[in-house]
Amino acid sequence: MQIGVFGTGMVGEAIADKLVSLGHEVKMGSRTANNEKAAAWVKSAGARASQGTFADAASFGEILFNCTGGGVSLQVLEQAGDGLRGKVLVDLANPLDFSKGRPPRLSVSNDDSLGEQIQRAHPDVKVVKTLNTVNCDVMVNPAKVSGDHTMFLCGNDEGAKKQVLEILTEWFGWRDVIDLGDITAARALESMLHVWLRLMGALKTVHFNVKVVR
């Protein structure tokens, strides 16, 4: 499959590396076609890896991953242009606001979410929010954390959620995934970052997750 990944940071690289390792062709998108970090990733990832602008990655991918920082996601997706149209967009971003220092605040919460903002801005895109509640190492390798633990997803399109569920379980190895409903559930998923940051401080590691026991 051809997959577009937006973002050259740790999350984008982790997702792109995993997808290439599974045999997919991946184009990493950034603001410029010759981004140095993307070029370094292409060199290390091999023949199935390529780079381009956000618009290039959007046009290339049959499915798309938003791995950009939440503060710039809306601008990035605007730059991605018509290549987004009709496609599944897996949204991993969190709307972190560092303007008042650390720990960060959320730039949007309670009555709205970044996931919803993306869906409203691109009504013909099938946005599925997931993977934003764990560190990027754990996203693509749940076994990084011992024991069984839980991932969540939400979105308006049932077919898109089914496709993303298959990616989570069959490609990434998640065994317990809970569908929280439509895209408004992104409010809850993004708000989990408050708990995640406190747990990181208490546990002195980023390699942890939660398990929903039922």
N, C-alpha and C. Protein backbone atom coordinates (compact mmCIF):
# COMPACT_ATOMS: atom_id res chain seq x y z
N MET A 1 0.84 -1.19 0.00
CA MET A 1 0.00 0.00 0.00
C MET A 1 0.88 1.25 0.00
N GLN A 2 0.41 2.30 -0.64
CA GLN A 2 1.09 3.59 -0.60
C GLN A 2 0.50 4.43 0.53
N ILE A 3 1.36 4.95 1.39
CA ILE A 3 0.91 5.65 2.59
C ILE A 3 1.64 6.98 2.72
N GLY A 4 0.90 8.03 3.04
CA GLY A 4 1.48 9.34 3.28
C GLY A 4 1.55 9.62 4.77
N VAL A 5 2.70 10.07 5.22
CA VAL A 5 2.91 10.41 6.63
C VAL A 5 3.27 11.89 6.71
N PHE A 6 2.47 12.66 7.43
CA PHE A 6 2.76 14.08 7.62
C PHE A 6 3.56 14.26 8.90
N GLY A 7 4.75 14.83 8.79
CA GLY A 7 5.56 15.11 9.97
C GLY A 7 6.87 14.36 9.97
N THR A 8 7.94 15.07 10.36
CA THR A 8 9.29 14.50 10.35
C THR A 8 9.84 14.28 11.75
N GLY A 9 9.02 14.47 12.77
CA GLY A 9 9.47 14.31 14.15
C GLY A 9 9.50 12.86 14.58
N MET A 10 9.60 12.65 15.89
CA MET A 10 9.71 11.30 16.44
C MET A 10 8.50 10.45 16.10
N VAL A 11 7.32 11.03 16.16
CA VAL A 11 6.10 10.27 15.86
C VAL A 11 6.05 9.90 14.39
N GLY A 12 6.29 10.86 13.52
CA GLY A 12 6.28 10.58 12.09
C GLY A 12 7.29 9.53 11.70
N GLU A 13 8.48 9.62 12.29
CA GLU A 13 9.52 8.65 11.96
C GLU A 13 9.17 7.26 12.47
N ALA A 14 8.61 7.17 13.68
CA ALA A 14 8.23 5.87 14.23
C ALA A 14 7.16 5.20 13.38
N ILE A 15 6.14 5.97 12.99
CA ILE A 15 5.07 5.42 12.15
C ILE A 15 5.62 5.03 10.79
N ALA A 16 6.40 5.90 10.18
CA ALA A 16 6.94 5.63 8.84
C ALA A 16 7.87 4.42 8.85
N ASP A 17 8.73 4.32 9.86
CA ASP A 17 9.63 3.16 9.96
C ASP A 17 8.85 1.86 10.04
N LYS A 18 7.81 1.85 10.87
CA LYS A 18 7.01 0.64 11.04
C LYS A 18 6.33 0.26 9.72
N LEU A 19 5.77 1.23 9.05
CA LEU A 19 5.06 0.94 7.80
C LEU A 19 6.01 0.41 6.73
N VAL A 20 7.19 1.00 6.62
CA VAL A 20 8.18 0.51 5.66
C VAL A 20 8.60 -0.91 6.01
N SER A 21 8.78 -1.18 7.30
CA SER A 21 9.19 -2.52 7.72
C SER A 21 8.16 -3.58 7.37
N LEU A 22 6.90 -3.16 7.22
CA LEU A 22 5.82 -4.07 6.86
C LEU A 22 5.67 -4.21 5.35
N GLY A 23 6.51 -3.53 4.59
CA GLY A 23 6.50 -3.67 3.14
C GLY A 23 5.74 -2.61 2.39
N HIS A 24 5.27 -1.58 3.08
CA HIS A 24 4.51 -0.52 2.42
C HIS A 24 5.44 0.55 1.85
N GLU A 25 4.96 1.25 0.85
CA GLU A 25 5.68 2.41 0.31
C GLU A 25 5.20 3.65 1.06
N VAL A 26 6.14 4.41 1.60
CA VAL A 26 5.80 5.54 2.46
C VAL A 26 6.45 6.81 1.95
N LYS A 27 5.64 7.86 1.81
CA LYS A 27 6.17 9.19 1.49
C LYS A 27 5.99 10.08 2.71
N MET A 28 7.10 10.59 3.23
CA MET A 28 7.07 11.49 4.38
C MET A 28 6.93 12.92 3.89
N GLY A 29 5.89 13.59 4.35
CA GLY A 29 5.62 14.95 3.92
C GLY A 29 6.08 15.99 4.92
N SER A 30 6.59 17.10 4.42
CA SER A 30 7.00 18.23 5.25
C SER A 30 6.72 19.52 4.48
N ARG A 31 7.12 20.65 5.03
CA ARG A 31 6.81 21.94 4.39
C ARG A 31 7.55 22.13 3.07
N THR A 32 8.73 21.52 2.97
CA THR A 32 9.54 21.66 1.76
C THR A 32 9.87 20.28 1.20
N ALA A 33 10.07 20.22 -0.10
CA ALA A 33 10.33 18.94 -0.75
C ALA A 33 11.71 18.38 -0.41
N ASN A 34 12.61 19.24 0.08
CA ASN A 34 13.98 18.80 0.37
C ASN A 34 14.33 18.91 1.85
N ASN A 35 13.35 18.73 2.71
CA ASN A 35 13.56 18.80 4.16
C ASN A 35 14.69 17.86 4.59
N GLU A 36 15.62 18.37 5.39
CA GLU A 36 16.81 17.60 5.75
C GLU A 36 16.48 16.38 6.61
N LYS A 37 15.55 16.54 7.56
CA LYS A 37 15.19 15.40 8.41
C LYS A 37 14.51 14.31 7.59
N ALA A 38 13.64 14.71 6.68
CA ALA A 38 12.98 13.72 5.81
C ALA A 38 13.99 13.04 4.91
N ALA A 39 14.96 13.80 4.40
CA ALA A 39 15.99 13.22 3.53
C ALA A 39 16.83 12.20 4.29
N ALA A 40 17.15 12.51 5.55
CA ALA A 40 17.93 11.57 6.37
C ALA A 40 17.13 10.30 6.62
N TRP A 41 15.82 10.46 6.85
CA TRP A 41 14.98 9.28 7.06
C TRP A 41 14.92 8.42 5.79
N VAL A 42 14.73 9.04 4.65
CA VAL A 42 14.68 8.29 3.38
C VAL A 42 15.97 7.51 3.18
N LYS A 43 17.09 8.13 3.46
CA LYS A 43 18.39 7.46 3.29
C LYS A 43 18.50 6.24 4.17
N SER A 44 17.99 6.32 5.40
CA SER A 44 18.10 5.20 6.33
C SER A 44 17.03 4.14 6.11
N ALA A 45 15.86 4.55 5.57
CA ALA A 45 14.73 3.63 5.46
C ALA A 45 14.75 2.77 4.21
N GLY A 46 15.43 3.21 3.15
CA GLY A 46 15.58 2.36 1.99
C GLY A 46 14.66 2.67 0.83
N ALA A 47 14.56 1.71 -0.08
CA ALA A 47 13.94 1.94 -1.39
C ALA A 47 12.44 2.23 -1.33
N ARG A 48 11.76 1.77 -0.29
CA ARG A 48 10.31 2.00 -0.21
C ARG A 48 9.97 3.35 0.42
N ALA A 49 11.00 4.12 0.78
CA ALA A 49 10.79 5.42 1.42
C ALA A 49 11.04 6.55 0.44
N SER A 50 10.24 7.61 0.55
CA SER A 50 10.43 8.81 -0.26
C SER A 50 9.97 10.02 0.53
N GLN A 51 10.25 11.20 0.02
CA GLN A 51 9.85 12.42 0.70
C GLN A 51 9.25 13.40 -0.29
N GLY A 52 8.58 14.41 0.24
CA GLY A 52 8.01 15.46 -0.58
C GLY A 52 7.33 16.48 0.31
N THR A 53 6.55 17.34 -0.28
CA THR A 53 5.78 18.31 0.48
C THR A 53 4.57 17.61 1.11
N PHE A 54 3.85 18.35 1.95
CA PHE A 54 2.62 17.80 2.50
C PHE A 54 1.64 17.45 1.38
N ALA A 55 1.58 18.28 0.37
CA ALA A 55 0.69 18.01 -0.76
C ALA A 55 1.12 16.76 -1.52
N ASP A 56 2.43 16.58 -1.66
CA ASP A 56 2.95 15.38 -2.33
C ASP A 56 2.55 14.12 -1.56
N ALA A 57 2.72 14.16 -0.24
CA ALA A 57 2.40 12.99 0.59
C ALA A 57 0.91 12.70 0.55
N ALA A 58 0.09 13.76 0.55
CA ALA A 58 -1.36 13.57 0.51
C ALA A 58 -1.79 12.91 -0.79
N SER A 59 -1.24 13.36 -1.90
CA SER A 59 -1.59 12.79 -3.20
C SER A 59 -1.10 11.36 -3.33
N PHE A 60 0.04 11.06 -2.73
CA PHE A 60 0.67 9.74 -2.84
C PHE A 60 -0.09 8.68 -2.05
N GLY A 61 -0.55 9.04 -0.86
CA GLY A 61 -1.05 8.03 0.06
C GLY A 61 -2.46 7.56 -0.22
N GLU A 62 -2.66 6.25 -0.12
CA GLU A 62 -4.01 5.70 -0.13
C GLU A 62 -4.66 5.90 1.23
N ILE A 63 -3.84 5.96 2.26
CA ILE A 63 -4.25 6.30 3.61
C ILE A 63 -3.20 7.24 4.16
N LEU A 64 -3.60 8.15 5.06
CA LEU A 64 -2.72 9.21 5.52
C LEU A 64 -2.63 9.23 7.04
N PHE A 65 -1.45 9.58 7.56
CA PHE A 65 -1.23 9.69 9.00
C PHE A 65 -0.81 11.12 9.34
N ASN A 66 -1.57 11.77 10.23
CA ASN A 66 -1.19 13.09 10.71
C ASN A 66 -0.33 12.94 11.96
N CYS A 67 0.98 13.08 11.79
CA CYS A 67 1.94 12.95 12.89
C CYS A 67 2.58 14.29 13.22
N THR A 68 1.93 15.37 12.85
CA THR A 68 2.47 16.70 13.11
C THR A 68 2.10 17.16 14.51
N GLY A 69 2.76 18.21 14.99
CA GLY A 69 2.37 18.79 16.26
C GLY A 69 0.99 19.40 16.17
N GLY A 70 0.20 19.22 17.23
CA GLY A 70 -1.18 19.68 17.19
C GLY A 70 -1.34 21.17 16.93
N GLY A 71 -0.34 21.95 17.32
CA GLY A 71 -0.41 23.39 17.11
C GLY A 71 -0.34 23.81 15.67
N VAL A 72 0.14 22.93 14.81
CA VAL A 72 0.28 23.28 13.38
C VAL A 72 -0.53 22.36 12.48
N SER A 73 -1.25 21.41 13.05
CA SER A 73 -1.93 20.40 12.23
C SER A 73 -2.91 21.01 11.23
N LEU A 74 -3.68 21.98 11.65
CA LEU A 74 -4.67 22.57 10.74
C LEU A 74 -4.00 23.26 9.56
N GLN A 75 -2.90 23.97 9.83
CA GLN A 75 -2.17 24.63 8.75
C GLN A 75 -1.54 23.60 7.81
N VAL A 76 -0.99 22.54 8.39
CA VAL A 76 -0.37 21.49 7.58
C VAL A 76 -1.40 20.86 6.65
N LEU A 77 -2.57 20.54 7.18
CA LEU A 77 -3.58 19.87 6.37
C LEU A 77 -4.15 20.80 5.31
N GLU A 78 -4.15 22.09 5.59
CA GLU A 78 -4.54 23.05 4.55
C GLU A 78 -3.53 23.01 3.41
N GLN A 79 -2.24 22.92 3.76
CA GLN A 79 -1.20 22.84 2.73
C GLN A 79 -1.28 21.53 1.95
N ALA A 80 -1.79 20.48 2.59
CA ALA A 80 -1.88 19.18 1.92
C ALA A 80 -2.83 19.24 0.72
N GLY A 81 -3.83 20.09 0.79
CA GLY A 81 -4.66 20.37 -0.38
C GLY A 81 -5.61 19.27 -0.79
N ASP A 82 -5.89 19.20 -2.08
CA ASP A 82 -6.90 18.31 -2.62
C ASP A 82 -6.55 16.84 -2.50
N GLY A 83 -5.29 16.52 -2.25
CA GLY A 83 -4.89 15.13 -2.10
C GLY A 83 -5.51 14.44 -0.91
N LEU A 84 -6.05 15.23 0.02
CA LEU A 84 -6.72 14.66 1.19
C LEU A 84 -8.09 14.09 0.85
N ARG A 85 -8.68 14.60 -0.18
CA ARG A 85 -10.11 14.40 -0.45
C ARG A 85 -10.51 12.92 -0.51
N GLY A 86 -11.49 12.56 0.32
CA GLY A 86 -12.06 11.23 0.29
C GLY A 86 -11.25 10.17 1.00
N LYS A 87 -10.12 10.54 1.59
CA LYS A 87 -9.22 9.54 2.16
C LYS A 87 -9.39 9.41 3.68
N VAL A 88 -8.91 8.29 4.20
CA VAL A 88 -8.85 8.09 5.64
C VAL A 88 -7.62 8.81 6.18
N LEU A 89 -7.84 9.65 7.20
CA LEU A 89 -6.75 10.35 7.87
C LEU A 89 -6.68 9.88 9.31
N VAL A 90 -5.61 9.19 9.64
CA VAL A 90 -5.38 8.75 11.02
C VAL A 90 -4.73 9.91 11.76
N ASP A 91 -5.43 10.46 12.73
CA ASP A 91 -4.97 11.66 13.43
C ASP A 91 -4.37 11.28 14.78
N LEU A 92 -3.06 11.48 14.91
CA LEU A 92 -2.33 11.14 16.13
C LEU A 92 -1.98 12.37 16.96
N ALA A 93 -2.37 13.55 16.51
CA ALA A 93 -1.87 14.79 17.10
C ALA A 93 -2.63 15.18 18.37
N ASN A 94 -1.94 15.89 19.25
CA ASN A 94 -2.53 16.45 20.46
C ASN A 94 -2.37 17.97 20.44
N PRO A 95 -3.42 18.71 20.82
CA PRO A 95 -3.38 20.17 20.76
C PRO A 95 -2.65 20.79 21.94
N LEU A 96 -1.35 20.53 22.04
CA LEU A 96 -0.57 21.00 23.18
C LEU A 96 -0.22 22.48 23.03
N ASP A 97 -0.36 23.21 24.13
CA ASP A 97 -0.07 24.65 24.17
C ASP A 97 0.98 24.90 25.24
N PHE A 98 2.19 25.29 24.80
CA PHE A 98 3.30 25.52 25.72
C PHE A 98 3.48 27.01 26.04
N SER A 99 2.50 27.84 25.71
CA SER A 99 2.66 29.29 25.87
C SER A 99 2.80 29.72 27.32
N LYS A 100 2.32 28.90 28.24
CA LYS A 100 2.45 29.22 29.67
C LYS A 100 3.41 28.26 30.36
N GLY A 101 4.30 27.65 29.59
CA GLY A 101 5.31 26.77 30.16
C GLY A 101 4.86 25.33 30.24
N ARG A 102 5.52 24.59 31.10
CA ARG A 102 5.26 23.16 31.27
C ARG A 102 4.68 22.89 32.66
N PRO A 103 3.83 21.87 32.80
CA PRO A 103 3.31 21.03 31.73
C PRO A 103 2.40 21.83 30.79
N PRO A 104 2.30 21.41 29.54
CA PRO A 104 1.50 22.16 28.58
C PRO A 104 0.01 22.09 28.88
N ARG A 105 -0.70 23.10 28.42
CA ARG A 105 -2.15 23.10 28.43
C ARG A 105 -2.64 22.53 27.11
N LEU A 106 -3.94 22.31 27.02
CA LEU A 106 -4.56 21.97 25.74
C LEU A 106 -5.12 23.25 25.14
N SER A 107 -4.85 23.48 23.88
CA SER A 107 -5.35 24.70 23.23
C SER A 107 -6.84 24.64 22.98
N VAL A 108 -7.41 23.45 23.02
CA VAL A 108 -8.84 23.26 22.85
C VAL A 108 -9.26 22.06 23.68
N SER A 109 -10.42 22.15 24.35
CA SER A 109 -10.90 21.03 25.16
C SER A 109 -12.36 21.29 25.55
N ASN A 110 -12.93 20.36 26.28
CA ASN A 110 -14.29 20.43 26.80
C ASN A 110 -15.36 20.45 25.70
N ASP A 111 -15.49 21.54 24.96
CA ASP A 111 -16.56 21.66 23.97
C ASP A 111 -16.09 21.45 22.54
N ASP A 112 -14.81 21.13 22.36
CA ASP A 112 -14.27 20.93 21.03
C ASP A 112 -12.96 20.15 21.16
N SER A 113 -12.39 19.78 20.03
CA SER A 113 -11.13 19.04 20.03
C SER A 113 -10.42 19.29 18.71
N LEU A 114 -9.15 18.98 18.68
CA LEU A 114 -8.41 19.09 17.42
C LEU A 114 -8.98 18.14 16.38
N GLY A 115 -9.32 16.93 16.80
CA GLY A 115 -9.90 15.97 15.86
C GLY A 115 -11.15 16.51 15.19
N GLU A 116 -12.01 17.16 15.98
CA GLU A 116 -13.23 17.75 15.42
C GLU A 116 -12.92 18.93 14.51
N GLN A 117 -11.94 19.74 14.90
CA GLN A 117 -11.56 20.87 14.06
C GLN A 117 -11.06 20.40 12.70
N ILE A 118 -10.28 19.33 12.71
CA ILE A 118 -9.79 18.78 11.44
C ILE A 118 -10.96 18.26 10.60
N GLN A 119 -11.90 17.55 11.25
CA GLN A 119 -13.03 17.01 10.51
C GLN A 119 -13.90 18.12 9.92
N ARG A 120 -14.12 19.20 10.69
CA ARG A 120 -14.92 20.32 10.18
C ARG A 120 -14.22 21.02 9.02
N ALA A 121 -12.90 21.16 9.13
CA ALA A 121 -12.15 21.85 8.07
C ALA A 121 -12.09 21.03 6.80
N HIS A 122 -12.22 19.70 6.94
CA HIS A 122 -12.11 18.80 5.78
C HIS A 122 -13.26 17.78 5.84
N PRO A 123 -14.48 18.22 5.56
CA PRO A 123 -15.65 17.34 5.73
C PRO A 123 -15.64 16.11 4.85
N ASP A 124 -14.88 16.12 3.75
CA ASP A 124 -14.83 14.95 2.87
C ASP A 124 -13.69 14.01 3.22
N VAL A 125 -12.99 14.29 4.31
CA VAL A 125 -11.93 13.41 4.80
C VAL A 125 -12.49 12.56 5.94
N LYS A 126 -12.06 11.32 6.01
CA LYS A 126 -12.56 10.40 7.04
C LYS A 126 -11.54 10.36 8.18
N VAL A 127 -11.75 11.23 9.17
CA VAL A 127 -10.80 11.39 10.27
C VAL A 127 -11.05 10.32 11.33
N VAL A 128 -9.98 9.63 11.71
CA VAL A 128 -10.04 8.66 12.81
C VAL A 128 -8.95 9.03 13.81
N LYS A 129 -9.37 9.33 15.03
CA LYS A 129 -8.43 9.69 16.10
C LYS A 129 -8.00 8.44 16.84
N THR A 130 -6.68 8.25 16.98
CA THR A 130 -6.16 7.11 17.72
C THR A 130 -4.67 7.31 17.96
N LEU A 131 -4.11 6.49 18.84
CA LEU A 131 -2.67 6.41 19.12
C LEU A 131 -2.10 7.64 19.82
N ASN A 132 -2.93 8.65 20.09
CA ASN A 132 -2.42 9.88 20.71
C ASN A 132 -2.23 9.75 22.21
N THR A 133 -2.58 8.60 22.78
CA THR A 133 -2.53 8.43 24.24
C THR A 133 -1.32 7.65 24.72
N VAL A 134 -0.37 7.36 23.81
CA VAL A 134 0.84 6.64 24.20
C VAL A 134 2.05 7.25 23.51
N ASN A 135 3.23 6.92 24.02
CA ASN A 135 4.49 7.33 23.40
C ASN A 135 4.65 6.68 22.04
N CYS A 136 5.41 7.33 21.16
CA CYS A 136 5.53 6.83 19.79
C CYS A 136 6.15 5.44 19.71
N ASP A 137 7.03 5.08 20.64
CA ASP A 137 7.58 3.72 20.64
C ASP A 137 6.49 2.68 20.87
N VAL A 138 5.56 3.01 21.75
CA VAL A 138 4.48 2.09 22.11
C VAL A 138 3.41 2.04 21.02
N MET A 139 3.23 3.14 20.29
CA MET A 139 2.23 3.17 19.21
C MET A 139 2.39 1.99 18.27
N VAL A 140 3.62 1.76 17.84
CA VAL A 140 3.89 0.76 16.81
C VAL A 140 4.42 -0.55 17.38
N ASN A 141 4.59 -0.61 18.69
CA ASN A 141 5.10 -1.81 19.35
C ASN A 141 4.51 -1.90 20.75
N PRO A 142 3.24 -2.31 20.87
CA PRO A 142 2.62 -2.39 22.19
C PRO A 142 3.38 -3.28 23.16
N ALA A 143 4.13 -4.25 22.65
CA ALA A 143 4.91 -5.14 23.51
C ALA A 143 6.02 -4.41 24.24
N LYS A 144 6.27 -3.16 23.88
CA LYS A 144 7.25 -2.34 24.60
C LYS A 144 6.84 -2.19 26.06
N VAL A 145 5.54 -2.30 26.31
CA VAL A 145 4.99 -2.26 27.66
C VAL A 145 4.51 -3.66 28.01
N SER A 146 4.95 -4.19 29.12
CA SER A 146 4.60 -5.56 29.48
C SER A 146 3.11 -5.67 29.80
N GLY A 147 2.57 -6.85 29.52
CA GLY A 147 1.17 -7.09 29.80
C GLY A 147 0.26 -6.58 28.70
N ASP A 148 -1.02 -6.88 28.83
CA ASP A 148 -2.01 -6.45 27.85
C ASP A 148 -2.53 -5.07 28.26
N HIS A 149 -2.74 -4.19 27.31
CA HIS A 149 -3.21 -2.84 27.62
C HIS A 149 -4.04 -2.32 26.45
N THR A 150 -4.63 -1.15 26.61
CA THR A 150 -5.75 -0.73 25.78
C THR A 150 -5.43 0.46 24.89
N MET A 151 -5.91 0.40 23.66
CA MET A 151 -5.88 1.54 22.74
C MET A 151 -7.32 1.94 22.43
N PHE A 152 -7.49 3.19 22.05
CA PHE A 152 -8.82 3.74 21.76
C PHE A 152 -8.84 4.32 20.35
N LEU A 153 -10.03 4.41 19.78
CA LEU A 153 -10.20 5.14 18.52
C LEU A 153 -11.58 5.75 18.48
N CYS A 154 -11.73 6.76 17.62
CA CYS A 154 -13.05 7.35 17.40
C CYS A 154 -13.07 8.02 16.03
N GLY A 155 -14.27 8.21 15.51
CA GLY A 155 -14.43 8.84 14.20
C GLY A 155 -15.86 8.68 13.72
N ASN A 156 -16.22 9.45 12.72
CA ASN A 156 -17.60 9.45 12.23
C ASN A 156 -17.89 8.34 11.22
N ASP A 157 -16.88 7.88 10.50
CA ASP A 157 -17.08 6.93 9.41
C ASP A 157 -16.78 5.51 9.88
N GLU A 158 -17.79 4.66 9.86
CA GLU A 158 -17.62 3.29 10.37
C GLU A 158 -16.63 2.49 9.52
N GLY A 159 -16.68 2.67 8.21
CA GLY A 159 -15.74 1.96 7.35
C GLY A 159 -14.31 2.36 7.60
N ALA A 160 -14.09 3.65 7.82
CA ALA A 160 -12.74 4.13 8.11
C ALA A 160 -12.25 3.58 9.43
N LYS A 161 -13.12 3.54 10.43
CA LYS A 161 -12.72 3.00 11.73
C LYS A 161 -12.38 1.52 11.63
N LYS A 162 -13.13 0.80 10.82
CA LYS A 162 -12.83 -0.62 10.63
C LYS A 162 -11.46 -0.79 10.00
N GLN A 163 -11.13 0.04 9.02
CA GLN A 163 -9.82 -0.04 8.37
C GLN A 163 -8.71 0.30 9.35
N VAL A 164 -8.90 1.33 10.17
CA VAL A 164 -7.88 1.71 11.14
C VAL A 164 -7.76 0.65 12.24
N LEU A 165 -8.87 0.04 12.62
CA LEU A 165 -8.81 -1.05 13.59
C LEU A 165 -7.93 -2.18 13.08
N GLU A 166 -8.04 -2.50 11.80
CA GLU A 166 -7.20 -3.55 11.21
C GLU A 166 -5.73 -3.14 11.23
N ILE A 167 -5.46 -1.86 10.99
CA ILE A 167 -4.08 -1.38 11.06
C ILE A 167 -3.54 -1.54 12.47
N LEU A 168 -4.34 -1.16 13.45
CA LEU A 168 -3.90 -1.25 14.84
C LEU A 168 -3.64 -2.69 15.26
N THR A 169 -4.53 -3.59 14.89
CA THR A 169 -4.42 -4.96 15.37
C THR A 169 -3.48 -5.81 14.52
N GLU A 170 -3.63 -5.73 13.18
CA GLU A 170 -2.88 -6.62 12.30
C GLU A 170 -1.49 -6.09 11.97
N TRP A 171 -1.34 -4.78 11.87
CA TRP A 171 -0.04 -4.21 11.51
C TRP A 171 0.79 -3.86 12.74
N PHE A 172 0.14 -3.23 13.74
CA PHE A 172 0.88 -2.71 14.88
C PHE A 172 0.85 -3.63 16.10
N GLY A 173 -0.06 -4.60 16.13
CA GLY A 173 -0.05 -5.59 17.20
C GLY A 173 -0.88 -5.27 18.42
N TRP A 174 -1.82 -4.33 18.31
CA TRP A 174 -2.70 -4.04 19.45
C TRP A 174 -3.75 -5.14 19.56
N ARG A 175 -3.98 -5.63 20.77
CA ARG A 175 -4.94 -6.70 20.99
C ARG A 175 -6.25 -6.21 21.60
N ASP A 176 -6.22 -5.07 22.28
CA ASP A 176 -7.41 -4.54 22.93
C ASP A 176 -7.63 -3.11 22.46
N VAL A 177 -8.63 -2.93 21.59
CA VAL A 177 -8.94 -1.61 21.04
C VAL A 177 -10.41 -1.33 21.29
N ILE A 178 -10.71 -0.17 21.88
CA ILE A 178 -12.08 0.21 22.19
C ILE A 178 -12.50 1.38 21.30
N ASP A 179 -13.62 1.21 20.60
CA ASP A 179 -14.20 2.26 19.77
C ASP A 179 -15.07 3.14 20.66
N LEU A 180 -14.71 4.42 20.80
CA LEU A 180 -15.42 5.34 21.68
C LEU A 180 -16.52 6.12 20.97
N GLY A 181 -16.76 5.81 19.68
CA GLY A 181 -17.86 6.47 18.99
C GLY A 181 -17.42 7.50 17.98
N ASP A 182 -18.21 8.56 17.84
CA ASP A 182 -17.93 9.54 16.79
C ASP A 182 -16.76 10.45 17.17
N ILE A 183 -16.45 11.40 16.29
CA ILE A 183 -15.24 12.20 16.45
C ILE A 183 -15.29 13.11 17.68
N THR A 184 -16.47 13.36 18.24
CA THR A 184 -16.52 14.17 19.46
C THR A 184 -15.80 13.49 20.62
N ALA A 185 -15.60 12.18 20.54
CA ALA A 185 -14.85 11.47 21.57
C ALA A 185 -13.37 11.86 21.57
N ALA A 186 -12.92 12.56 20.53
CA ALA A 186 -11.55 13.07 20.52
C ALA A 186 -11.32 14.02 21.69
N ARG A 187 -12.37 14.65 22.19
CA ARG A 187 -12.23 15.52 23.37
C ARG A 187 -11.69 14.71 24.55
N ALA A 188 -12.23 13.53 24.74
CA ALA A 188 -11.78 12.68 25.84
C ALA A 188 -10.37 12.16 25.60
N LEU A 189 -10.10 11.71 24.38
CA LEU A 189 -8.78 11.15 24.08
C LEU A 189 -7.69 12.20 24.22
N GLU A 190 -7.93 13.40 23.73
CA GLU A 190 -6.92 14.45 23.85
C GLU A 190 -6.74 14.88 25.29
N SER A 191 -7.82 14.87 26.07
CA SER A 191 -7.73 15.26 27.48
C SER A 191 -6.95 14.26 28.31
N MET A 192 -6.81 13.04 27.82
CA MET A 192 -6.01 12.04 28.54
C MET A 192 -4.55 12.45 28.66
N LEU A 193 -4.13 13.43 27.86
CA LEU A 193 -2.74 13.88 27.94
C LEU A 193 -2.40 14.46 29.29
N HIS A 194 -3.38 15.05 29.98
CA HIS A 194 -3.13 15.55 31.33
C HIS A 194 -2.70 14.41 32.25
N VAL A 195 -3.40 13.30 32.18
CA VAL A 195 -3.06 12.13 32.99
C VAL A 195 -1.73 11.54 32.53
N TRP A 196 -1.54 11.45 31.21
CA TRP A 196 -0.31 10.85 30.68
C TRP A 196 0.92 11.61 31.16
N LEU A 197 0.87 12.92 31.13
CA LEU A 197 2.02 13.73 31.54
C LEU A 197 2.32 13.54 33.02
N ARG A 198 1.29 13.45 33.85
CA ARG A 198 1.51 13.23 35.28
C ARG A 198 2.07 11.83 35.55
N LEU A 199 1.58 10.85 34.80
CA LEU A 199 2.12 9.50 34.94
C LEU A 199 3.58 9.45 34.51
N MET A 200 3.92 10.14 33.44
CA MET A 200 5.30 10.17 33.00
C MET A 200 6.20 10.73 34.09
N GLY A 201 5.76 11.78 34.76
CA GLY A 201 6.54 12.35 35.84
C GLY A 201 6.66 11.42 37.03
N ALA A 202 5.58 10.72 37.35
CA ALA A 202 5.60 9.83 38.50
C ALA A 202 6.39 8.56 38.24
N LEU A 203 6.29 8.03 37.02
CA LEU A 203 6.93 6.75 36.69
C LEU A 203 8.34 6.91 36.15
N LYS A 204 8.71 8.14 35.76
CA LYS A 204 10.04 8.43 35.21
C LYS A 204 10.32 7.63 33.93
N THR A 205 9.30 7.42 33.14
CA THR A 205 9.45 6.72 31.86
C THR A 205 8.29 7.12 30.95
N VAL A 206 8.49 6.97 29.65
CA VAL A 206 7.40 7.20 28.69
C VAL A 206 6.79 5.88 28.21
N HIS A 207 7.35 4.78 28.65
CA HIS A 207 6.90 3.47 28.19
C HIS A 207 5.90 2.88 29.18
N PHE A 208 4.66 3.34 29.08
CA PHE A 208 3.58 2.85 29.93
C PHE A 208 2.27 3.05 29.19
N ASN A 209 1.22 2.42 29.69
CA ASN A 209 -0.12 2.61 29.14
C ASN A 209 -1.13 2.19 30.19
N VAL A 210 -2.41 2.33 29.86
CA VAL A 210 -3.48 1.94 30.77
C VAL A 210 -4.21 0.73 30.20
N LYS A 211 -4.85 -0.01 31.08
CA LYS A 211 -5.66 -1.16 30.70
C LYS A 211 -7.07 -0.95 31.23
N VAL A 212 -8.05 -1.06 30.35
CA VAL A 212 -9.44 -1.01 30.77
C VAL A 212 -9.87 -2.42 31.15
N VAL A 213 -10.17 -2.63 32.41
CA VAL A 213 -10.57 -3.95 32.91
C VAL A 213 -12.09 -4.01 32.93
N ARG A 214 -12.65 -5.05 32.31
CA ARG A 214 -14.10 -5.21 32.30
C ARG A 214 -14.45 -6.67 32.45
